[in-house]
PDB file of all heavy atoms in Angstrom:
ATOM      1  N   GLU A   1       0.828  -1.208   0.000  1.00  0.00           N
ATOM      2  CA  GLU A   1       0.000   0.000   0.000  1.00  0.00           C
ATOM      3  C   GLU A   1       0.865   1.263   0.000  1.00  0.00           C
ATOM      4  O   GLU A   1       0.603   2.214  -0.758  1.00  0.00           O
ATOM      5  CB  GLU A   1      -0.906   0.022   1.231  1.00  0.00           C
ATOM      6  CG  GLU A   1      -2.059  -0.954   1.189  1.00  0.00           C
ATOM      7  CD  GLU A   1      -2.834  -0.962   2.496  1.00  0.00           C
ATOM      8  OE1 GLU A   1      -2.227  -0.796   3.567  1.00  0.00           O
ATOM      9  OE2 GLU A   1      -4.058  -1.137   2.442  1.00  0.00           O
ATOM     10  N   ILE A   2       1.858   1.280   0.863  1.00  0.00           N
ATOM     11  CA  ILE A   2       2.711   2.469   0.973  1.00  0.00           C
ATOM     12  C   ILE A   2       3.494   2.689  -0.315  1.00  0.00           C
ATOM     13  O   ILE A   2       3.598   3.826  -0.811  1.00  0.00           O
ATOM     14  CB  ILE A   2       3.638   2.339   2.194  1.00  0.00           C
ATOM     15  CG1 ILE A   2       2.805   2.373   3.480  1.00  0.00           C
ATOM     16  CG2 ILE A   2       4.694   3.443   2.211  1.00  0.00           C
ATOM     17  CD1 ILE A   2       3.539   1.885   4.713  1.00  0.00           C
ATOM     18  N   ALA A   3       4.034   1.613  -0.868  1.00  0.00           N
ATOM     19  CA  ALA A   3       4.748   1.731  -2.147  1.00  0.00           C
ATOM     20  C   ALA A   3       3.806   2.241  -3.234  1.00  0.00           C
ATOM     21  O   ALA A   3       4.190   3.075  -4.074  1.00  0.00           O
ATOM     22  CB  ALA A   3       5.340   0.382  -2.537  1.00  0.00           C
ATOM     23  N   ALA A   4       2.559   1.758  -3.217  1.00  0.00           N
ATOM     24  CA  ALA A   4       1.587   2.199  -4.222  1.00  0.00           C
ATOM     25  C   ALA A   4       1.263   3.684  -4.069  1.00  0.00           C
ATOM     26  O   ALA A   4       1.114   4.401  -5.069  1.00  0.00           O
ATOM     27  CB  ALA A   4       0.313   1.368  -4.101  1.00  0.00           C
ATOM     28  N   LEU A   5       1.164   4.171  -2.846  1.00  0.00           N
ATOM     29  CA  LEU A   5       0.878   5.589  -2.624  1.00  0.00           C
ATOM     30  C   LEU A   5       2.014   6.470  -3.127  1.00  0.00           C
ATOM     31  O   LEU A   5       1.774   7.537  -3.716  1.00  0.00           O
ATOM     32  CB  LEU A   5       0.634   5.845  -1.135  1.00  0.00           C
ATOM     33  CG  LEU A   5      -0.707   5.380  -0.576  1.00  0.00           C
ATOM     34  CD1 LEU A   5      -0.714   5.479   0.944  1.00  0.00           C
ATOM     35  CD2 LEU A   5      -1.858   6.187  -1.164  1.00  0.00           C
ATOM     36  N   VAL A   6       3.247   6.033  -2.899  1.00  0.00           N
ATOM     37  CA  VAL A   6       4.387   6.802  -3.399  1.00  0.00           C
ATOM     38  C   VAL A   6       4.383   6.816  -4.929  1.00  0.00           C
ATOM     39  O   VAL A   6       4.629   7.855  -5.559  1.00  0.00           O
ATOM     40  CB  VAL A   6       5.715   6.229  -2.854  1.00  0.00           C
ATOM     41  CG1 VAL A   6       6.910   6.922  -3.496  1.00  0.00           C
ATOM     42  CG2 VAL A   6       5.767   6.379  -1.333  1.00  0.00           C
ATOM     43  N   ALA A   7       4.066   5.675  -5.534  1.00  0.00           N
ATOM     44  CA  ALA A   7       3.984   5.619  -7.003  1.00  0.00           C
ATOM     45  C   ALA A   7       2.848   6.502  -7.510  1.00  0.00           C
ATOM     46  O   ALA A   7       2.999   7.215  -8.516  1.00  0.00           O
ATOM     47  CB  ALA A   7       3.781   4.172  -7.455  1.00  0.00           C
ATOM     48  N   ALA A   8       1.717   6.468  -6.819  1.00  0.00           N
ATOM     49  CA  ALA A   8       0.566   7.282  -7.222  1.00  0.00           C
ATOM     50  C   ALA A   8       0.899   8.769  -7.152  1.00  0.00           C
ATOM     51  O   ALA A   8       0.416   9.565  -7.964  1.00  0.00           O
ATOM     52  CB  ALA A   8      -0.636   6.967  -6.342  1.00  0.00           C
ATOM     53  N   ALA A   9       1.723   9.132  -6.166  1.00  0.00           N
ATOM     54  CA  ALA A   9       2.136  10.537  -6.056  1.00  0.00           C
ATOM     55  C   ALA A   9       2.903  10.978  -7.297  1.00  0.00           C
ATOM     56  O   ALA A   9       2.703  12.086  -7.806  1.00  0.00           O
ATOM     57  CB  ALA A   9       2.987  10.730  -4.809  1.00  0.00           C
ATOM     58  N   ASP A  10       3.768  10.091  -7.793  1.00  0.00           N
ATOM     59  CA  ASP A  10       4.515  10.421  -9.007  1.00  0.00           C
ATOM     60  C   ASP A  10       3.574  10.580 -10.197  1.00  0.00           C
ATOM     61  O   ASP A  10       3.725  11.507 -11.012  1.00  0.00           O
ATOM     62  CB  ASP A  10       5.555   9.339  -9.300  1.00  0.00           C
ATOM     63  CG  ASP A  10       6.733   9.384  -8.332  1.00  0.00           C
ATOM     64  OD1 ASP A  10       6.808  10.347  -7.539  1.00  0.00           O
ATOM     65  OD2 ASP A  10       7.569   8.464  -8.367  1.00  0.00           O
ATOM     66  N   PHE A  11       2.593   9.682 -10.326  1.00  0.00           N
ATOM     67  CA  PHE A  11       1.607   9.795 -11.400  1.00  0.00           C
ATOM     68  C   PHE A  11       0.846  11.115 -11.281  1.00  0.00           C
ATOM     69  O   PHE A  11       0.616  11.806 -12.281  1.00  0.00           O
ATOM     70  CB  PHE A  11       0.617   8.631 -11.343  1.00  0.00           C
ATOM     71  CG  PHE A  11       1.083   7.378 -12.027  1.00  0.00           C
ATOM     72  CD1 PHE A  11       1.471   6.274 -11.287  1.00  0.00           C
ATOM     73  CD2 PHE A  11       1.124   7.290 -13.413  1.00  0.00           C
ATOM     74  CE1 PHE A  11       1.893   5.111 -11.897  1.00  0.00           C
ATOM     75  CE2 PHE A  11       1.546   6.128 -14.039  1.00  0.00           C
ATOM     76  CZ  PHE A  11       1.931   5.032 -13.285  1.00  0.00           C
ATOM     77  N   SER A  12       0.433  11.454 -10.062  1.00  0.00           N
ATOM     78  CA  SER A  12      -0.332  12.687  -9.852  1.00  0.00           C
ATOM     79  C   SER A  12       0.483  13.912 -10.249  1.00  0.00           C
ATOM     80  O   SER A  12      -0.024  14.839 -10.887  1.00  0.00           O
ATOM     81  CB  SER A  12      -0.756  12.796  -8.380  1.00  0.00           C
ATOM     82  OG  SER A  12      -1.541  11.699  -8.002  1.00  0.00           O
ATOM     83  N   GLU A  13       1.746  13.910  -9.871  1.00  0.00           N
ATOM     84  CA  GLU A  13       2.618  15.033 -10.188  1.00  0.00           C
ATOM     85  C   GLU A  13       2.792  15.184 -11.689  1.00  0.00           C
ATOM     86  O   GLU A  13       2.748  16.292 -12.239  1.00  0.00           O
ATOM     87  CB  GLU A  13       3.974  14.832  -9.512  1.00  0.00           C
ATOM     88  CG  GLU A  13       4.617  16.125  -9.042  1.00  0.00           C
ATOM     89  CD  GLU A  13       5.649  15.860  -7.965  1.00  0.00           C
ATOM     90  OE1 GLU A  13       6.519  14.990  -8.175  1.00  0.00           O
ATOM     91  OE2 GLU A  13       5.569  16.512  -6.904  1.00  0.00           O
ATOM     92  N   GLU A  14       2.982  14.057 -12.372  1.00  0.00           N
ATOM     93  CA  GLU A  14       3.126  14.090 -13.833  1.00  0.00           C
ATOM     94  C   GLU A  14       1.854  14.590 -14.500  1.00  0.00           C
ATOM     95  O   GLU A  14       1.888  15.125 -15.606  1.00  0.00           O
ATOM     96  CB  GLU A  14       3.485  12.696 -14.358  1.00  0.00           C
ATOM     97  CG  GLU A  14       4.889  12.239 -13.968  1.00  0.00           C
ATOM     98  CD  GLU A  14       5.142  10.787 -14.305  1.00  0.00           C
ATOM     99  OE1 GLU A  14       4.261  10.176 -14.966  1.00  0.00           O
ATOM    100  OE2 GLU A  14       6.191  10.247 -13.909  1.00  0.00           O
ATOM    101  N   ASN A  15       0.716  14.407 -13.809  1.00  0.00           N
ATOM    102  CA  ASN A  15      -0.562  14.837 -14.348  1.00  0.00           C
ATOM    103  C   ASN A  15      -0.921  16.258 -13.915  1.00  0.00           C
ATOM    104  O   ASN A  15      -2.032  16.725 -14.133  1.00  0.00           O
ATOM    105  CB  ASN A  15      -1.665  13.862 -13.890  1.00  0.00           C
ATOM    106  CG  ASN A  15      -2.906  13.941 -14.751  1.00  0.00           C
ATOM    107  OD1 ASN A  15      -2.832  13.962 -15.967  1.00  0.00           O
ATOM    108  ND2 ASN A  15      -4.063  13.987 -14.107  1.00  0.00           N
ATOM    109  N   GLY A  16       0.035  16.938 -13.266  1.00  0.00           N
ATOM    110  CA  GLY A  16      -0.190  18.315 -12.860  1.00  0.00           C
ATOM    111  C   GLY A  16      -1.044  18.470 -11.616  1.00  0.00           C
ATOM    112  O   GLY A  16      -1.547  19.570 -11.341  1.00  0.00           O
ATOM    113  N   GLU A  17      -1.231  17.394 -10.837  1.00  0.00           N
ATOM    114  CA  GLU A  17      -2.063  17.455  -9.634  1.00  0.00           C
ATOM    115  C   GLU A  17      -1.163  17.381  -8.401  1.00  0.00           C
ATOM    116  O   GLU A  17      -1.072  16.355  -7.725  1.00  0.00           O
ATOM    117  CB  GLU A  17      -3.091  16.327  -9.650  1.00  0.00           C
ATOM    118  CG  GLU A  17      -4.009  16.398 -10.866  1.00  0.00           C
ATOM    119  CD  GLU A  17      -5.097  15.352 -10.864  1.00  0.00           C
ATOM    120  OE1 GLU A  17      -5.907  15.349  -9.911  1.00  0.00           O
ATOM    121  OE2 GLU A  17      -5.154  14.540 -11.791  1.00  0.00           O
ATOM    122  N   LYS A  18      -0.528  18.492  -8.110  1.00  0.00           N
ATOM    123  CA  LYS A  18       0.472  18.526  -7.049  1.00  0.00           C
ATOM    124  C   LYS A  18      -0.134  18.340  -5.663  1.00  0.00           C
ATOM    125  O   LYS A  18       0.477  17.737  -4.783  1.00  0.00           O
ATOM    126  CB  LYS A  18       1.261  19.839  -7.127  1.00  0.00           C
ATOM    127  CG  LYS A  18       2.141  19.936  -8.370  1.00  0.00           C
ATOM    128  CD  LYS A  18       2.997  21.195  -8.360  1.00  0.00           C
ATOM    129  CE  LYS A  18       3.898  21.239  -9.590  1.00  0.00           C
ATOM    130  NZ  LYS A  18       4.748  22.468  -9.595  1.00  0.00           N
ATOM    131  N   ALA A  19      -1.338  18.861  -5.459  1.00  0.00           N
ATOM    132  CA  ALA A  19      -1.977  18.726  -4.146  1.00  0.00           C
ATOM    133  C   ALA A  19      -2.262  17.252  -3.844  1.00  0.00           C
ATOM    134  O   ALA A  19      -2.062  16.787  -2.715  1.00  0.00           O
ATOM    135  CB  ALA A  19      -3.263  19.538  -4.098  1.00  0.00           C
ATOM    136  N   MET A  20      -2.726  16.518  -4.851  1.00  0.00           N
ATOM    137  CA  MET A  20      -2.984  15.099  -4.656  1.00  0.00           C
ATOM    138  C   MET A  20      -1.682  14.340  -4.412  1.00  0.00           C
ATOM    139  O   MET A  20      -1.623  13.431  -3.586  1.00  0.00           O
ATOM    140  CB  MET A  20      -3.713  14.510  -5.865  1.00  0.00           C
ATOM    141  CG  MET A  20      -4.187  13.077  -5.644  1.00  0.00           C
ATOM    142  SD  MET A  20      -4.988  12.391  -7.108  1.00  0.00           S
ATOM    143  CE  MET A  20      -6.356  13.533  -7.292  1.00  0.00           C
ATOM    144  N   ALA A  21      -0.641  14.709  -5.121  1.00  0.00           N
ATOM    145  CA  ALA A  21       0.665  14.075  -4.936  1.00  0.00           C
ATOM    146  C   ALA A  21       1.150  14.278  -3.503  1.00  0.00           C
ATOM    147  O   ALA A  21       1.642  13.341  -2.860  1.00  0.00           O
ATOM    148  CB  ALA A  21       1.672  14.647  -5.930  1.00  0.00           C
ATOM    149  N   GLU A  22       0.983  15.495  -3.000  1.00  0.00           N
ATOM    150  CA  GLU A  22       1.409  15.780  -1.630  1.00  0.00           C
ATOM    151  C   GLU A  22       0.609  14.955  -0.631  1.00  0.00           C
ATOM    152  O   GLU A  22       1.165  14.393   0.319  1.00  0.00           O
ATOM    153  CB  GLU A  22       1.238  17.271  -1.329  1.00  0.00           C
ATOM    154  CG  GLU A  22       1.696  17.654   0.079  1.00  0.00           C
ATOM    155  CD  GLU A  22       1.456  19.117   0.388  1.00  0.00           C
ATOM    156  OE1 GLU A  22       0.509  19.706  -0.173  1.00  0.00           O
ATOM    157  OE2 GLU A  22       2.212  19.671   1.210  1.00  0.00           O
ATOM    158  N   TYR A  23      -0.705  14.857  -0.858  1.00  0.00           N
ATOM    159  CA  TYR A  23      -1.547  14.074   0.055  1.00  0.00           C
ATOM    160  C   TYR A  23      -1.131  12.603   0.053  1.00  0.00           C
ATOM    161  O   TYR A  23      -1.048  11.971   1.113  1.00  0.00           O
ATOM    162  CB  TYR A  23      -3.018  14.202  -0.341  1.00  0.00           C
ATOM    163  CG  TYR A  23      -3.919  13.328   0.486  1.00  0.00           C
ATOM    164  CD1 TYR A  23      -4.305  13.715   1.762  1.00  0.00           C
ATOM    165  CD2 TYR A  23      -4.350  12.088   0.002  1.00  0.00           C
ATOM    166  CE1 TYR A  23      -5.105  12.900   2.551  1.00  0.00           C
ATOM    167  CE2 TYR A  23      -5.149  11.265   0.778  1.00  0.00           C
ATOM    168  CZ  TYR A  23      -5.516  11.671   2.048  1.00  0.00           C
ATOM    169  OH  TYR A  23      -6.290  10.851   2.827  1.00  0.00           O
ATOM    170  N   CYS A  24      -0.863  12.040  -1.126  1.00  0.00           N
ATOM    171  CA  CYS A  24      -0.454  10.631  -1.216  1.00  0.00           C
ATOM    172  C   CYS A  24       0.846  10.397  -0.459  1.00  0.00           C
ATOM    173  O   CYS A  24       0.972   9.413   0.285  1.00  0.00           O
ATOM    174  CB  CYS A  24      -0.291  10.222  -2.681  1.00  0.00           C
ATOM    175  SG  CYS A  24      -1.848  10.042  -3.585  1.00  0.00           S
ATOM    176  N   ARG A  25       1.806  11.290  -0.627  1.00  0.00           N
ATOM    177  CA  ARG A  25       3.094  11.122   0.054  1.00  0.00           C
ATOM    178  C   ARG A  25       2.941  11.281   1.563  1.00  0.00           C
ATOM    179  O   ARG A  25       3.550  10.544   2.338  1.00  0.00           O
ATOM    180  CB  ARG A  25       4.112  12.105  -0.505  1.00  0.00           C
ATOM    181  CG  ARG A  25       4.521  11.806  -1.950  1.00  0.00           C
ATOM    182  CD  ARG A  25       5.736  12.616  -2.392  1.00  0.00           C
ATOM    183  NE  ARG A  25       6.079  12.304  -3.776  1.00  0.00           N
ATOM    184  CZ  ARG A  25       5.871  13.109  -4.816  1.00  0.00           C
ATOM    185  NH1 ARG A  25       5.328  14.310  -4.607  1.00  0.00           N
ATOM    186  NH2 ARG A  25       6.201  12.734  -6.034  1.00  0.00           N
ATOM    187  N   GLN A  26       2.133  12.246   1.976  1.00  0.00           N
ATOM    188  CA  GLN A  26       1.944  12.447   3.419  1.00  0.00           C
ATOM    189  C   GLN A  26       1.259  11.243   4.060  1.00  0.00           C
ATOM    190  O   GLN A  26       1.615  10.827   5.166  1.00  0.00           O
ATOM    191  CB  GLN A  26       1.126  13.716   3.666  1.00  0.00           C
ATOM    192  CG  GLN A  26       1.903  14.994   3.374  1.00  0.00           C
ATOM    193  CD  GLN A  26       1.026  16.227   3.462  1.00  0.00           C
ATOM    194  OE1 GLN A  26      -0.202  16.161   3.305  1.00  0.00           O
ATOM    195  NE2 GLN A  26       1.650  17.376   3.713  1.00  0.00           N
ATOM    196  N   THR A  27       0.287  10.668   3.367  1.00  0.00           N
ATOM    197  CA  THR A  27      -0.383   9.476   3.885  1.00  0.00           C
ATOM    198  C   THR A  27       0.590   8.306   3.933  1.00  0.00           C
ATOM    199  O   THR A  27       0.648   7.565   4.926  1.00  0.00           O
ATOM    200  CB  THR A  27      -1.606   9.118   3.019  1.00  0.00           C
ATOM    201  OG1 THR A  27      -2.506  10.226   2.990  1.00  0.00           O
ATOM    202  CG2 THR A  27      -2.333   7.898   3.565  1.00  0.00           C
ATOM    203  N   ALA A  28       1.378   8.151   2.872  1.00  0.00           N
ATOM    204  CA  ALA A  28       2.377   7.077   2.848  1.00  0.00           C
ATOM    205  C   ALA A  28       3.368   7.241   3.994  1.00  0.00           C
ATOM    206  O   ALA A  28       3.732   6.262   4.666  1.00  0.00           O
ATOM    207  CB  ALA A  28       3.105   7.077   1.506  1.00  0.00           C
ATOM    208  N   ASP A  29       3.804   8.470   4.237  1.00  0.00           N
ATOM    209  CA  ASP A  29       4.777   8.723   5.311  1.00  0.00           C
ATOM    210  C   ASP A  29       4.190   8.349   6.672  1.00  0.00           C
ATOM    211  O   ASP A  29       4.857   7.743   7.507  1.00  0.00           O
ATOM    212  CB  ASP A  29       5.191  10.194   5.322  1.00  0.00           C
ATOM    213  CG  ASP A  29       5.998  10.595   4.097  1.00  0.00           C
ATOM    214  OD1 ASP A  29       6.447   9.695   3.352  1.00  0.00           O
ATOM    215  OD2 ASP A  29       6.163  11.810   3.883  1.00  0.00           O
ATOM    216  N   HIS A  30       2.937   8.726   6.892  1.00  0.00           N
ATOM    217  CA  HIS A  30       2.312   8.417   8.186  1.00  0.00           C
ATOM    218  C   HIS A  30       2.172   6.917   8.371  1.00  0.00           C
ATOM    219  O   HIS A  30       2.491   6.376   9.436  1.00  0.00           O
ATOM    220  CB  HIS A  30       0.948   9.094   8.278  1.00  0.00           C
ATOM    221  CG  HIS A  30       0.171   8.692   9.489  1.00  0.00           C
ATOM    222  ND1 HIS A  30       0.578   9.007  10.770  1.00  0.00           N
ATOM    223  CD2 HIS A  30      -0.967   7.958   9.619  1.00  0.00           C
ATOM    224  CE1 HIS A  30      -0.281   8.506  11.638  1.00  0.00           C
ATOM    225  NE2 HIS A  30      -1.217   7.860  10.970  1.00  0.00           N
ATOM    226  N   TRP A  31       1.676   6.220   7.349  1.00  0.00           N
ATOM    227  CA  TRP A  31       1.527   4.768   7.455  1.00  0.00           C
ATOM    228  C   TRP A  31       2.890   4.098   7.652  1.00  0.00           C
ATOM    229  O   TRP A  31       3.022   3.165   8.437  1.00  0.00           O
ATOM    230  CB  TRP A  31       0.829   4.215   6.223  1.00  0.00           C
ATOM    231  CG  TRP A  31      -0.623   4.588   6.123  1.00  0.00           C
ATOM    232  CD1 TRP A  31      -1.342   5.360   7.003  1.00  0.00           C
ATOM    233  CD2 TRP A  31      -1.540   4.220   5.088  1.00  0.00           C
ATOM    234  NE1 TRP A  31      -2.645   5.493   6.572  1.00  0.00           N
ATOM    235  CE2 TRP A  31      -2.804   4.805   5.410  1.00  0.00           C
ATOM    236  CE3 TRP A  31      -1.428   3.469   3.925  1.00  0.00           C
ATOM    237  CZ2 TRP A  31      -3.921   4.624   4.596  1.00  0.00           C
ATOM    238  CZ3 TRP A  31      -2.550   3.290   3.111  1.00  0.00           C
ATOM    239  CH2 TRP A  31      -3.772   3.872   3.448  1.00  0.00           C
ATOM    240  N   ASN A  32       3.882   4.592   6.934  1.00  0.00           N
ATOM    241  CA  ASN A  32       5.220   4.010   7.064  1.00  0.00           C
ATOM    242  C   ASN A  32       5.765   4.186   8.485  1.00  0.00           C
ATOM    243  O   ASN A  32       6.355   3.269   9.057  1.00  0.00           O
ATOM    244  CB  ASN A  32       6.169   4.661   6.054  1.00  0.00           C
ATOM    245  CG  ASN A  32       7.559   4.087   6.114  1.00  0.00           C
ATOM    246  OD1 ASN A  32       7.782   2.913   5.856  1.00  0.00           O
ATOM    247  ND2 ASN A  32       8.529   4.916   6.472  1.00  0.00           N
ATOM    248  N   ASP A  33       5.552   5.352   9.059  1.00  0.00           N
ATOM    249  CA  ASP A  33       6.013   5.606  10.429  1.00  0.00           C
ATOM    250  C   ASP A  33       5.354   4.670  11.444  1.00  0.00           C
ATOM    251  O   ASP A  33       5.918   4.390  12.498  1.00  0.00           O
ATOM    252  CB  ASP A  33       5.715   7.055  10.827  1.00  0.00           C
ATOM    253  CG  ASP A  33       6.814   8.013  10.406  1.00  0.00           C
ATOM    254  OD1 ASP A  33       7.722   7.590   9.664  1.00  0.00           O
ATOM    255  OD2 ASP A  33       6.760   9.187  10.814  1.00  0.00           O
ATOM    256  N   ARG A  34       4.159   4.190  11.135  1.00  0.00           N
ATOM    257  CA  ARG A  34       3.397   3.401  12.108  1.00  0.00           C
ATOM    258  C   ARG A  34       3.548   1.886  11.920  1.00  0.00           C
ATOM    259  O   ARG A  34       2.924   1.114  12.668  1.00  0.00           O
ATOM    260  CB  ARG A  34       1.922   3.787  12.048  1.00  0.00           C
ATOM    261  CG  ARG A  34       1.651   5.204  12.557  1.00  0.00           C
ATOM    262  CD  ARG A  34       0.245   5.343  13.076  1.00  0.00           C
ATOM    263  NE  ARG A  34      -0.004   4.489  14.242  1.00  0.00           N
ATOM    264  CZ  ARG A  34      -1.221   4.275  14.742  1.00  0.00           C
ATOM    265  NH1 ARG A  34      -2.278   4.838  14.193  1.00  0.00           N
ATOM    266  NH2 ARG A  34      -1.387   3.506  15.801  1.00  0.00           N
TER     267      ARG A  34
END
């Protein structure tokens, strides 16, 4: 799941959706920390 969120962030960024990319990375970071 965490790897998928990081990958999704890259897709979002390439699609010009920076806010979504940031949200995906922040969620991945939180899950990874836990």
